[in-house]
Amino acid sequence: MNTSQEMPQMTLEQFELESTSLAIQFLAVLTGRTLPTGVVMQAVMNVHRCVASQLPVEAQGQLSMAMAAYAGELMQGLPPAPIPSPTQSTNLH
């Protein structure tokens, strides 16, 4: 698995395109499956933990601050977000 240390720096636009593309791929795998929401969320957290553990300590600290901000958003309730369709193709490949 590649970590940010091994990859060249991306622009914000490149980062958004790559992360959206990966999210679409994740959703494509889940399309049509009936899994409890808790199971999906736990799997996502396991993937997050695995990837985060491979980051340098400084990056783990930055990530923890971003996750704390996200937790705050969750506590206040998130508005419905558009979910990218796995069939969407906006040249993200």
Protein backbone atom coordinates (compact mmCIF):
# COMPACT_ATOMS: atom_id res chain seq x y z
CA MET A 1 0.00 0.00 0.00
CA ASN A 2 1.31 3.44 -0.90
CA THR A 3 1.54 6.09 1.79
CA SER A 4 1.73 9.84 1.35
CA GLN A 5 5.50 9.65 1.90
CA GLU A 6 5.90 7.58 -1.26
CA MET A 7 3.65 9.71 -3.47
CA PRO A 8 4.45 13.08 -5.03
CA GLN A 9 2.56 16.08 -3.70
CA MET A 10 -0.86 16.61 -5.29
CA THR A 11 -2.75 19.80 -5.89
CA LEU A 12 -6.00 20.15 -3.95
CA GLU A 13 -7.92 19.47 -7.16
CA GLN A 14 -5.93 16.28 -7.86
CA PHE A 15 -6.44 15.16 -4.28
CA GLU A 16 -10.21 15.72 -4.49
CA LEU A 17 -10.44 13.87 -7.82
CA GLU A 18 -8.41 10.90 -6.55
CA SER A 19 -10.30 10.64 -3.27
CA THR A 20 -13.69 10.93 -5.02
CA SER A 21 -12.65 8.25 -7.50
CA LEU A 22 -11.65 5.93 -4.66
CA ALA A 23 -14.92 6.62 -2.82
CA ILE A 24 -16.85 5.72 -5.99
CA GLN A 25 -14.89 2.46 -6.21
CA PHE A 26 -15.69 1.65 -2.57
CA LEU A 27 -19.38 2.37 -3.17
CA ALA A 28 -19.37 0.23 -6.32
CA VAL A 29 -18.19 -2.75 -4.25
CA LEU A 30 -21.06 -2.19 -1.80
CA THR A 31 -23.77 -1.58 -4.41
CA GLY A 32 -26.53 -4.16 -4.18
CA ARG A 33 -25.31 -5.62 -0.89
CA THR A 34 -27.51 -5.48 2.14
CA LEU A 35 -25.28 -4.89 5.12
CA PRO A 36 -26.16 -3.25 8.40
CA THR A 37 -24.91 0.33 8.57
CA GLY A 38 -22.86 -0.50 11.67
CA VAL A 39 -20.98 -3.23 9.81
CA VAL A 40 -20.11 -0.85 6.96
CA MET A 41 -19.00 1.88 9.38
CA GLN A 42 -16.86 -0.53 11.39
CA ALA A 43 -15.20 -1.76 8.20
CA VAL A 44 -14.48 1.82 7.14
CA MET A 45 -12.98 2.57 10.57
CA ASN A 46 -10.79 -0.56 10.30
CA VAL A 47 -9.49 0.58 6.90
CA HIS A 48 -8.93 4.07 8.32
CA ARG A 49 -6.96 2.69 11.28
CA CYS A 50 -4.81 0.51 9.01
CA VAL A 51 -3.96 3.39 6.68
CA ALA A 52 -3.47 5.91 9.52
CA SER A 53 -1.07 3.59 11.34
CA GLN A 54 1.24 3.72 8.30
CA LEU A 55 1.53 7.52 8.44
CA PRO A 56 4.40 9.31 10.15
CA VAL A 57 3.65 10.36 13.73
CA GLU A 58 3.30 14.05 12.78
CA ALA A 59 0.75 13.20 10.10
CA GLN A 60 -1.14 11.00 12.57
CA GLY A 61 -1.41 14.05 14.86
CA GLN A 62 -2.76 16.21 12.03
CA LEU A 63 -5.19 13.47 11.07
CA SER A 64 -6.42 13.15 14.64
CA MET A 65 -7.21 16.88 14.72
CA ALA A 66 -9.14 16.59 11.45
CA MET A 67 -11.02 13.57 12.80
CA ALA A 68 -11.86 15.48 16.00
CA ALA A 69 -13.36 18.25 13.87
CA TYR A 70 -15.35 15.63 11.95
CA ALA A 71 -16.55 14.08 15.21
CA GLY A 72 -17.79 17.52 16.24
CA GLU A 73 -19.74 17.78 13.00
CA LEU A 74 -21.26 14.35 13.61
CA MET A 75 -22.34 15.35 17.10
CA GLN A 76 -24.25 18.31 15.63
CA GLY A 77 -25.79 16.22 12.87
CA LEU A 78 -24.61 16.19 9.29
CA PRO A 79 -26.82 17.41 6.48
CA PRO A 80 -27.54 14.81 3.81
CA ALA A 81 -24.57 14.65 1.46
CA PRO A 82 -24.73 13.68 -2.19
CA ILE A 83 -23.39 10.17 -2.62
CA PRO A 84 -21.33 9.74 -5.79
CA SER A 85 -22.86 7.14 -8.05
CA PRO A 86 -20.63 4.16 -8.90
CA THR A 87 -21.83 4.57 -12.49
CA GLN A 88 -20.77 8.23 -12.59
CA SER A 89 -17.90 8.78 -14.91
CA THR A 90 -16.35 12.21 -14.73
CA ASN A 91 -12.97 11.09 -16.01
CA LEU A 92 -11.84 10.18 -12.52
CA HIS A 93 -10.01 7.03 -13.60
